[in-house]
Amino acid sequence: RISCALVDKLWPKSSPVPIVSSFKAKSLEAAKASHA
């Protein structure tokens, strides 16, 4: 949640769309819930 929020806030929209990956299903679920 915290990492995705920072990416969403600070990463320029004109830059390449980043990918958020993880081995942890809970992390991917949280990323989906907060920054789908």
PDB file of all heavy atoms in Angstrom:
ATOM      1  N   ARG A   1       0.829  -1.221   0.000  1.00  0.00           N
ATOM      2  CA  ARG A   1       0.000   0.000   0.000  1.00  0.00           C
ATOM      3  C   ARG A   1       0.860   1.266   0.000  1.00  0.00           C
ATOM      4  O   ARG A   1       0.638   2.184  -0.791  1.00  0.00           O
ATOM      5  CB  ARG A   1      -0.920   0.015   1.221  1.00  0.00           C
ATOM      6  CG  ARG A   1      -2.140  -0.872   1.101  1.00  0.00           C
ATOM      7  CD  ARG A   1      -3.181  -0.511   2.149  1.00  0.00           C
ATOM      8  NE  ARG A   1      -2.638  -0.604   3.502  1.00  0.00           N
ATOM      9  CZ  ARG A   1      -2.707  -1.700   4.262  1.00  0.00           C
ATOM     10  NH1 ARG A   1      -3.276  -2.786   3.790  1.00  0.00           N
ATOM     11  NH2 ARG A   1      -2.208  -1.701   5.485  1.00  0.00           N
ATOM     12  N   ILE A   2       1.833   1.314   0.888  1.00  0.00           N
ATOM     13  CA  ILE A   2       2.653   2.518   1.019  1.00  0.00           C
ATOM     14  C   ILE A   2       3.518   2.726  -0.224  1.00  0.00           C
ATOM     15  O   ILE A   2       3.640   3.848  -0.740  1.00  0.00           O
ATOM     16  CB  ILE A   2       3.516   2.439   2.287  1.00  0.00           C
ATOM     17  CG1 ILE A   2       2.620   2.506   3.530  1.00  0.00           C
ATOM     18  CG2 ILE A   2       4.545   3.567   2.325  1.00  0.00           C
ATOM     19  CD1 ILE A   2       3.350   2.306   4.844  1.00  0.00           C
ATOM     20  N   SER A   3       4.104   1.658  -0.736  1.00  0.00           N
ATOM     21  CA  SER A   3       4.948   1.773  -1.921  1.00  0.00           C
ATOM     22  C   SER A   3       4.132   2.200  -3.136  1.00  0.00           C
ATOM     23  O   SER A   3       4.550   3.084  -3.906  1.00  0.00           O
ATOM     24  CB  SER A   3       5.662   0.444  -2.192  1.00  0.00           C
ATOM     25  OG  SER A   3       6.522   0.097  -1.128  1.00  0.00           O
ATOM     26  N   CYS A   4       2.989   1.577  -3.319  1.00  0.00           N
ATOM     27  CA  CYS A   4       2.142   1.921  -4.467  1.00  0.00           C
ATOM     28  C   CYS A   4       1.637   3.359  -4.383  1.00  0.00           C
ATOM     29  O   CYS A   4       1.556   4.056  -5.401  1.00  0.00           O
ATOM     30  CB  CYS A   4       0.958   0.959  -4.562  1.00  0.00           C
ATOM     31  SG  CYS A   4       1.390  -0.686  -5.146  1.00  0.00           S
ATOM     32  N   ALA A   5       1.325   3.806  -3.180  1.00  0.00           N
ATOM     33  CA  ALA A   5       0.865   5.183  -3.004  1.00  0.00           C
ATOM     34  C   ALA A   5       1.945   6.175  -3.409  1.00  0.00           C
ATOM     35  O   ALA A   5       1.671   7.208  -4.044  1.00  0.00           O
ATOM     36  CB  ALA A   5       0.449   5.418  -1.547  1.00  0.00           C
ATOM     37  N   LEU A   6       3.189   5.843  -3.067  1.00  0.00           N
ATOM     38  CA  LEU A   6       4.301   6.728  -3.418  1.00  0.00           C
ATOM     39  C   LEU A   6       4.545   6.723  -4.930  1.00  0.00           C
ATOM     40  O   LEU A   6       4.786   7.776  -5.531  1.00  0.00           O
ATOM     41  CB  LEU A   6       5.556   6.285  -2.668  1.00  0.00           C
ATOM     42  CG  LEU A   6       6.637   7.345  -2.446  1.00  0.00           C
ATOM     43  CD1 LEU A   6       6.091   8.517  -1.628  1.00  0.00           C
ATOM     44  CD2 LEU A   6       7.836   6.732  -1.731  1.00  0.00           C
ATOM     45  N   VAL A   7       4.481   5.542  -5.525  1.00  0.00           N
ATOM     46  CA  VAL A   7       4.620   5.449  -6.983  1.00  0.00           C
ATOM     47  C   VAL A   7       3.522   6.269  -7.664  1.00  0.00           C
ATOM     48  O   VAL A   7       3.783   7.054  -8.581  1.00  0.00           O
ATOM     49  CB  VAL A   7       4.562   3.981  -7.445  1.00  0.00           C
ATOM     50  CG1 VAL A   7       4.449   3.890  -8.967  1.00  0.00           C
ATOM     51  CG2 VAL A   7       5.792   3.215  -6.962  1.00  0.00           C
ATOM     52  N   ASP A   8       2.310   6.107  -7.200  1.00  0.00           N
ATOM     53  CA  ASP A   8       1.173   6.798  -7.794  1.00  0.00           C
ATOM     54  C   ASP A   8       1.307   8.316  -7.659  1.00  0.00           C
ATOM     55  O   ASP A   8       0.971   9.068  -8.577  1.00  0.00           O
ATOM     56  CB  ASP A   8      -0.108   6.326  -7.108  1.00  0.00           C
ATOM     57  CG  ASP A   8      -1.342   6.556  -7.956  1.00  0.00           C
ATOM     58  OD1 ASP A   8      -1.240   6.443  -9.194  1.00  0.00           O
ATOM     59  OD2 ASP A   8      -2.406   6.859  -7.386  1.00  0.00           O
ATOM     60  N   LYS A   9       1.840   8.746  -6.540  1.00  0.00           N
ATOM     61  CA  LYS A   9       1.965  10.178  -6.269  1.00  0.00           C
ATOM     62  C   LYS A   9       3.122  10.820  -7.022  1.00  0.00           C
ATOM     63  O   LYS A   9       2.991  11.927  -7.548  1.00  0.00           O
ATOM     64  CB  LYS A   9       2.148  10.389  -4.758  1.00  0.00           C
ATOM     65  CG  LYS A   9       2.356  11.837  -4.354  1.00  0.00           C
ATOM     66  CD  LYS A   9       2.596  11.939  -2.854  1.00  0.00           C
ATOM     67  CE  LYS A   9       2.879  13.388  -2.428  1.00  0.00           C
ATOM     68  NZ  LYS A   9       3.184  13.484  -0.974  1.00  0.00           N
ATOM     69  N   LEU A  10       4.266  10.127  -7.092  1.00  0.00           N
ATOM     70  CA  LEU A  10       5.489  10.778  -7.550  1.00  0.00           C
ATOM     71  C   LEU A  10       5.957  10.391  -8.950  1.00  0.00           C
ATOM     72  O   LEU A  10       6.692  11.156  -9.577  1.00  0.00           O
ATOM     73  CB  LEU A  10       6.626  10.495  -6.558  1.00  0.00           C
ATOM     74  CG  LEU A  10       6.434  11.017  -5.136  1.00  0.00           C
ATOM     75  CD1 LEU A  10       7.619  10.621  -4.276  1.00  0.00           C
ATOM     76  CD2 LEU A  10       6.241  12.534  -5.125  1.00  0.00           C
ATOM     77  N   TRP A  11       5.560   9.225  -9.435  1.00  0.00           N
ATOM     78  CA  TRP A  11       6.080   8.803 -10.741  1.00  0.00           C
ATOM     79  C   TRP A  11       5.386   9.584 -11.842  1.00  0.00           C
ATOM     80  O   TRP A  11       4.162   9.616 -11.915  1.00  0.00           O
ATOM     81  CB  TRP A  11       5.877   7.314 -10.934  1.00  0.00           C
ATOM     82  CG  TRP A  11       6.530   6.764 -12.171  1.00  0.00           C
ATOM     83  CD1 TRP A  11       5.901   6.199 -13.246  1.00  0.00           C
ATOM     84  CD2 TRP A  11       7.929   6.724 -12.469  1.00  0.00           C
ATOM     85  NE1 TRP A  11       6.832   5.813 -14.192  1.00  0.00           N
ATOM     86  CE2 TRP A  11       8.086   6.124 -13.736  1.00  0.00           C
ATOM     87  CE3 TRP A  11       9.076   7.141 -11.776  1.00  0.00           C
ATOM     88  CZ2 TRP A  11       9.330   5.933 -14.334  1.00  0.00           C
ATOM     89  CZ3 TRP A  11      10.320   6.949 -12.372  1.00  0.00           C
ATOM     90  CH2 TRP A  11      10.426   6.349 -13.633  1.00  0.00           C
ATOM     91  N   PRO A  12       6.167  10.225 -12.735  1.00  0.00           N
ATOM     92  CA  PRO A  12       5.552  11.045 -13.779  1.00  0.00           C
ATOM     93  C   PRO A  12       4.625  10.224 -14.681  1.00  0.00           C
ATOM     94  O   PRO A  12       4.973   9.126 -15.115  1.00  0.00           O
ATOM     95  CB  PRO A  12       6.768  11.558 -14.578  1.00  0.00           C
ATOM     96  CG  PRO A  12       7.916  11.464 -13.627  1.00  0.00           C
ATOM     97  CD  PRO A  12       7.647  10.264 -12.783  1.00  0.00           C
ATOM     98  N   LYS A  13       3.474  10.778 -14.954  1.00  0.00           N
ATOM     99  CA  LYS A  13       2.497  10.072 -15.788  1.00  0.00           C
ATOM    100  C   LYS A  13       2.989   9.935 -17.225  1.00  0.00           C
ATOM    101  O   LYS A  13       2.524   9.075 -17.970  1.00  0.00           O
ATOM    102  CB  LYS A  13       1.150  10.806 -15.764  1.00  0.00           C
ATOM    103  CG  LYS A  13       0.524  10.898 -14.382  1.00  0.00           C
ATOM    104  CD  LYS A  13       0.220   9.523 -13.809  1.00  0.00           C
ATOM    105  CE  LYS A  13      -0.469   9.612 -12.459  1.00  0.00           C
ATOM    106  NZ  LYS A  13       0.447   9.476 -11.318  1.00  0.00           N
ATOM    107  N   SER A  14       3.957  10.759 -17.603  1.00  0.00           N
ATOM    108  CA  SER A  14       4.519  10.692 -18.958  1.00  0.00           C
ATOM    109  C   SER A  14       5.597   9.615 -19.081  1.00  0.00           C
ATOM    110  O   SER A  14       6.031   9.296 -20.189  1.00  0.00           O
ATOM    111  CB  SER A  14       5.121  12.048 -19.333  1.00  0.00           C
ATOM    112  OG  SER A  14       6.125  12.431 -18.391  1.00  0.00           O
ATOM    113  N   SER A  15       6.038   9.068 -17.942  1.00  0.00           N
ATOM    114  CA  SER A  15       7.066   8.028 -17.944  1.00  0.00           C
ATOM    115  C   SER A  15       6.437   6.659 -18.165  1.00  0.00           C
ATOM    116  O   SER A  15       5.218   6.495 -18.046  1.00  0.00           O
ATOM    117  CB  SER A  15       7.829   8.044 -16.613  1.00  0.00           C
ATOM    118  OG  SER A  15       8.563   9.243 -16.466  1.00  0.00           O
ATOM    119  N   PRO A  16       7.259   5.630 -18.500  1.00  0.00           N
ATOM    120  CA  PRO A  16       6.706   4.291 -18.724  1.00  0.00           C
ATOM    121  C   PRO A  16       5.912   3.795 -17.517  1.00  0.00           C
ATOM    122  O   PRO A  16       6.317   4.005 -16.368  1.00  0.00           O
ATOM    123  CB  PRO A  16       7.953   3.433 -18.935  1.00  0.00           C
ATOM    124  CG  PRO A  16       8.988   4.383 -19.439  1.00  0.00           C
ATOM    125  CD  PRO A  16       8.719   5.677 -18.740  1.00  0.00           C
ATOM    126  N   VAL A  17       4.792   3.141 -17.789  1.00  0.00           N
ATOM    127  CA  VAL A  17       3.962   2.590 -16.707  1.00  0.00           C
ATOM    128  C   VAL A  17       4.747   1.497 -15.998  1.00  0.00           C
ATOM    129  O   VAL A  17       5.212   0.540 -16.633  1.00  0.00           O
ATOM    130  CB  VAL A  17       2.653   2.002 -17.274  1.00  0.00           C
ATOM    131  CG1 VAL A  17       1.829   1.367 -16.152  1.00  0.00           C
ATOM    132  CG2 VAL A  17       1.845   3.087 -17.978  1.00  0.00           C
ATOM    133  N   PRO A  18       4.941   1.613 -14.672  1.00  0.00           N
ATOM    134  CA  PRO A  18       5.722   0.604 -13.952  1.00  0.00           C
ATOM    135  C   PRO A  18       4.916  -0.652 -13.666  1.00  0.00           C
ATOM    136  O   PRO A  18       3.681  -0.652 -13.746  1.00  0.00           O
ATOM    137  CB  PRO A  18       6.097   1.315 -12.656  1.00  0.00           C
ATOM    138  CG  PRO A  18       4.980   2.279 -12.425  1.00  0.00           C
ATOM    139  CD  PRO A  18       4.505   2.702 -13.779  1.00  0.00           C
ATOM    140  N   ILE A  19       5.635  -1.714 -13.319  1.00  0.00           N
ATOM    141  CA  ILE A  19       5.001  -2.970 -12.914  1.00  0.00           C
ATOM    142  C   ILE A  19       5.290  -3.204 -11.441  1.00  0.00           C
ATOM    143  O   ILE A  19       6.423  -3.038 -10.986  1.00  0.00           O
ATOM    144  CB  ILE A  19       5.544  -4.156 -13.732  1.00  0.00           C
ATOM    145  CG1 ILE A  19       5.252  -3.967 -15.216  1.00  0.00           C
ATOM    146  CG2 ILE A  19       4.946  -5.481 -13.242  1.00  0.00           C
ATOM    147  CD1 ILE A  19       5.955  -4.980 -16.115  1.00  0.00           C
ATOM    148  N   VAL A  20       4.261  -3.596 -10.696  1.00  0.00           N
ATOM    149  CA  VAL A  20       4.392  -3.921  -9.276  1.00  0.00           C
ATOM    150  C   VAL A  20       4.313  -5.435  -9.132  1.00  0.00           C
ATOM    151  O   VAL A  20       3.260  -6.034  -9.374  1.00  0.00           O
ATOM    152  CB  VAL A  20       3.271  -3.258  -8.444  1.00  0.00           C
ATOM    153  CG1 VAL A  20       3.418  -3.611  -6.976  1.00  0.00           C
ATOM    154  CG2 VAL A  20       3.271  -1.751  -8.644  1.00  0.00           C
ATOM    155  N   SER A  21       5.426  -6.071  -8.772  1.00  0.00           N
ATOM    156  CA  SER A  21       5.435  -7.529  -8.652  1.00  0.00           C
ATOM    157  C   SER A  21       5.717  -7.957  -7.221  1.00  0.00           C
ATOM    158  O   SER A  21       6.206  -7.164  -6.405  1.00  0.00           O
ATOM    159  CB  SER A  21       6.480  -8.135  -9.594  1.00  0.00           C
ATOM    160  OG  SER A  21       7.790  -7.763  -9.204  1.00  0.00           O
ATOM    161  N   SER A  22       5.421  -9.209  -6.923  1.00  0.00           N
ATOM    162  CA  SER A  22       5.735  -9.757  -5.603  1.00  0.00           C
ATOM    163  C   SER A  22       5.551 -11.267  -5.611  1.00  0.00           C
ATOM    164  O   SER A  22       4.742 -11.802  -6.371  1.00  0.00           O
ATOM    165  CB  SER A  22       4.843  -9.135  -4.518  1.00  0.00           C
ATOM    166  OG  SER A  22       5.252  -9.557  -3.230  1.00  0.00           O
ATOM    167  N   PHE A  23       6.328 -11.935  -4.748  1.00  0.00           N
ATOM    168  CA  PHE A  23       6.104 -13.352  -4.485  1.00  0.00           C
ATOM    169  C   PHE A  23       4.909 -13.538  -3.554  1.00  0.00           C
ATOM    170  O   PHE A  23       4.364 -14.639  -3.455  1.00  0.00           O
ATOM    171  CB  PHE A  23       7.335 -13.967  -3.797  1.00  0.00           C
ATOM    172  CG  PHE A  23       8.504 -14.198  -4.698  1.00  0.00           C
ATOM    173  CD1 PHE A  23       9.559 -13.311  -4.727  1.00  0.00           C
ATOM    174  CD2 PHE A  23       8.565 -15.321  -5.512  1.00  0.00           C
ATOM    175  CE1 PHE A  23      10.663 -13.526  -5.538  1.00  0.00           C
ATOM    176  CE2 PHE A  23       9.653 -15.551  -6.333  1.00  0.00           C
ATOM    177  CZ  PHE A  23      10.707 -14.657  -6.347  1.00  0.00           C
ATOM    178  N   LYS A  24       4.537 -12.474  -2.843  1.00  0.00           N
ATOM    179  CA  LYS A  24       3.533 -12.564  -1.781  1.00  0.00           C
ATOM    180  C   LYS A  24       2.142 -12.220  -2.309  1.00  0.00           C
ATOM    181  O   LYS A  24       1.896 -11.082  -2.739  1.00  0.00           O
ATOM    182  CB  LYS A  24       3.890 -11.620  -0.628  1.00  0.00           C
ATOM    183  CG  LYS A  24       5.286 -11.852  -0.037  1.00  0.00           C
ATOM    184  CD  LYS A  24       5.380 -13.201   0.647  1.00  0.00           C
ATOM    185  CE  LYS A  24       6.717 -13.375   1.349  1.00  0.00           C
ATOM    186  NZ  LYS A  24       6.845 -14.693   2.004  1.00  0.00           N
ATOM    187  N   ALA A  25       1.240 -13.198  -2.234  1.00  0.00           N
ATOM    188  CA  ALA A  25      -0.132 -12.950  -2.691  1.00  0.00           C
ATOM    189  C   ALA A  25      -0.771 -11.808  -1.905  1.00  0.00           C
ATOM    190  O   ALA A  25      -1.507 -10.992  -2.477  1.00  0.00           O
ATOM    191  CB  ALA A  25      -0.962 -14.223  -2.546  1.00  0.00           C
ATOM    192  N   LYS A  26      -0.488 -11.721  -0.608  1.00  0.00           N
ATOM    193  CA  LYS A  26      -1.076 -10.651   0.215  1.00  0.00           C
ATOM    194  C   LYS A  26      -0.639  -9.273  -0.271  1.00  0.00           C
ATOM    195  O   LYS A  26      -1.413  -8.312  -0.220  1.00  0.00           O
ATOM    196  CB  LYS A  26      -0.674 -10.830   1.680  1.00  0.00           C
ATOM    197  CG  LYS A  26      -1.422 -11.933   2.400  1.00  0.00           C
ATOM    198  CD  LYS A  26      -1.038 -11.973   3.875  1.00  0.00           C
ATOM    199  CE  LYS A  26      -1.791 -13.060   4.624  1.00  0.00           C
ATOM    200  NZ  LYS A  26      -1.400 -13.116   6.062  1.00  0.00           N
ATOM    201  N   SER A  27       0.601  -9.171  -0.749  1.00  0.00           N
ATOM    202  CA  SER A  27       1.078  -7.891  -1.268  1.00  0.00           C
ATOM    203  C   SER A  27       0.382  -7.533  -2.572  1.00  0.00           C
ATOM    204  O   SER A  27      -0.024  -6.384  -2.781  1.00  0.00           O
ATOM    205  CB  SER A  27       2.594  -7.944  -1.479  1.00  0.00           C
ATOM    206  OG  SER A  27       3.278  -8.064  -0.253  1.00  0.00           O
ATOM    207  N   LEU A  28       0.217  -8.515  -3.452  1.00  0.00           N
ATOM    208  CA  LEU A  28      -0.469  -8.260  -4.713  1.00  0.00           C
ATOM    209  C   LEU A  28      -1.942  -7.944  -4.486  1.00  0.00           C
ATOM    210  O   LEU A  28      -2.512  -7.075  -5.159  1.00  0.00           O
ATOM    211  CB  LEU A  28      -0.314  -9.470  -5.638  1.00  0.00           C
ATOM    212  CG  LEU A  28       1.105  -9.744  -6.149  1.00  0.00           C
ATOM    213  CD1 LEU A  28       1.150 -11.047  -6.929  1.00  0.00           C
ATOM    214  CD2 LEU A  28       1.616  -8.582  -7.004  1.00  0.00           C
ATOM    215  N   GLU A  29      -2.555  -8.621  -3.528  1.00  0.00           N
ATOM    216  CA  GLU A  29      -3.954  -8.339  -3.194  1.00  0.00           C
ATOM    217  C   GLU A  29      -4.116  -6.918  -2.663  1.00  0.00           C
ATOM    218  O   GLU A  29      -5.058  -6.206  -3.021  1.00  0.00           O
ATOM    219  CB  GLU A  29      -4.459  -9.355  -2.167  1.00  0.00           C
ATOM    220  CG  GLU A  29      -4.655 -10.752  -2.740  1.00  0.00           C
ATOM    221  CD  GLU A  29      -4.792 -11.817  -1.667  1.00  0.00           C
ATOM    222  OE1 GLU A  29      -4.653 -11.474  -0.461  1.00  0.00           O
ATOM    223  OE2 GLU A  29      -5.029 -12.984  -2.012  1.00  0.00           O
ATOM    224  N   ALA A  30      -3.168  -6.501  -1.806  1.00  0.00           N
ATOM    225  CA  ALA A  30      -3.229  -5.149  -1.253  1.00  0.00           C
ATOM    226  C   ALA A  30      -2.997  -4.104  -2.330  1.00  0.00           C
ATOM    227  O   ALA A  30      -3.654  -3.052  -2.346  1.00  0.00           O
ATOM    228  CB  ALA A  30      -2.196  -4.995  -0.140  1.00  0.00           C
ATOM    229  N   ALA A  31      -2.067  -4.384  -3.238  1.00  0.00           N
ATOM    230  CA  ALA A  31      -1.811  -3.460  -4.344  1.00  0.00           C
ATOM    231  C   ALA A  31      -3.046  -3.322  -5.228  1.00  0.00           C
ATOM    232  O   ALA A  31      -3.398  -2.218  -5.658  1.00  0.00           O
ATOM    233  CB  ALA A  31      -0.627  -3.945  -5.167  1.00  0.00           C
ATOM    234  N   LYS A  32      -3.706  -4.428  -5.471  1.00  0.00           N
ATOM    235  CA  LYS A  32      -4.930  -4.402  -6.278  1.00  0.00           C
ATOM    236  C   LYS A  32      -6.021  -3.602  -5.580  1.00  0.00           C
ATOM    237  O   LYS A  32      -6.734  -2.801  -6.208  1.00  0.00           O
ATOM    238  CB  LYS A  32      -5.414  -5.826  -6.547  1.00  0.00           C
ATOM    239  CG  LYS A  32      -6.693  -5.899  -7.359  1.00  0.00           C
ATOM    240  CD  LYS A  32      -7.163  -7.339  -7.519  1.00  0.00           C
ATOM    241  CE  LYS A  32      -8.504  -7.378  -8.259  1.00  0.00           C
ATOM    242  NZ  LYS A  32      -9.020  -8.762  -8.388  1.00  0.00           N
ATOM    243  N   ALA A  33      -6.159  -3.804  -4.271  1.00  0.00           N
ATOM    244  CA  ALA A  33      -7.223  -3.131  -3.521  1.00  0.00           C
ATOM    245  C   ALA A  33      -6.998  -1.621  -3.440  1.00  0.00           C
ATOM    246  O   ALA A  33      -7.950  -0.848  -3.505  1.00  0.00           O
ATOM    247  CB  ALA A  33      -7.316  -3.714  -2.115  1.00  0.00           C
ATOM    248  N   SER A  34      -5.737  -1.202  -3.312  1.00  0.00           N
ATOM    249  CA  SER A  34      -5.475   0.224  -3.094  1.00  0.00           C
ATOM    250  C   SER A  34      -5.138   0.987  -4.374  1.00  0.00           C
ATOM    251  O   SER A  34      -5.439   2.173  -4.486  1.00  0.00           O
ATOM    252  CB  SER A  34      -4.338   0.398  -2.080  1.00  0.00           C
ATOM    253  OG  SER A  34      -3.110  -0.084  -2.601  1.00  0.00           O
ATOM    254  N   HIS A  35      -4.504   0.300  -5.320  1.00  0.00           N
ATOM    255  CA  HIS A  35      -4.058   0.974  -6.551  1.00  0.00           C
ATOM    256  C   HIS A  35      -4.220   0.011  -7.729  1.00  0.00           C
ATOM    257  O   HIS A  35      -3.241  -0.385  -8.363  1.00  0.00           O
ATOM    258  CB  HIS A  35      -2.611   1.431  -6.418  1.00  0.00           C
ATOM    259  CG  HIS A  35      -2.420   2.496  -5.386  1.00  0.00           C
ATOM    260  ND1 HIS A  35      -2.271   2.213  -4.039  1.00  0.00           N
ATOM    261  CD2 HIS A  35      -2.389   3.849  -5.490  1.00  0.00           C
ATOM    262  CE1 HIS A  35      -2.141   3.341  -3.368  1.00  0.00           C
ATOM    263  NE2 HIS A  35      -2.212   4.347  -4.214  1.00  0.00           N
ATOM    264  N   ALA A  36      -5.459  -0.318  -8.027  1.00  0.00           N
ATOM    265  CA  ALA A  36      -5.756  -1.330  -9.046  1.00  0.00           C
ATOM    266  C   ALA A  36      -5.242  -0.940 -10.426  1.00  0.00           C
ATOM    267  O   ALA A  36      -4.994  -1.812 -11.261  1.00  0.00           O
ATOM    268  CB  ALA A  36      -7.257  -1.580  -9.098  1.00  0.00           C
TER     269      ALA A  36
END
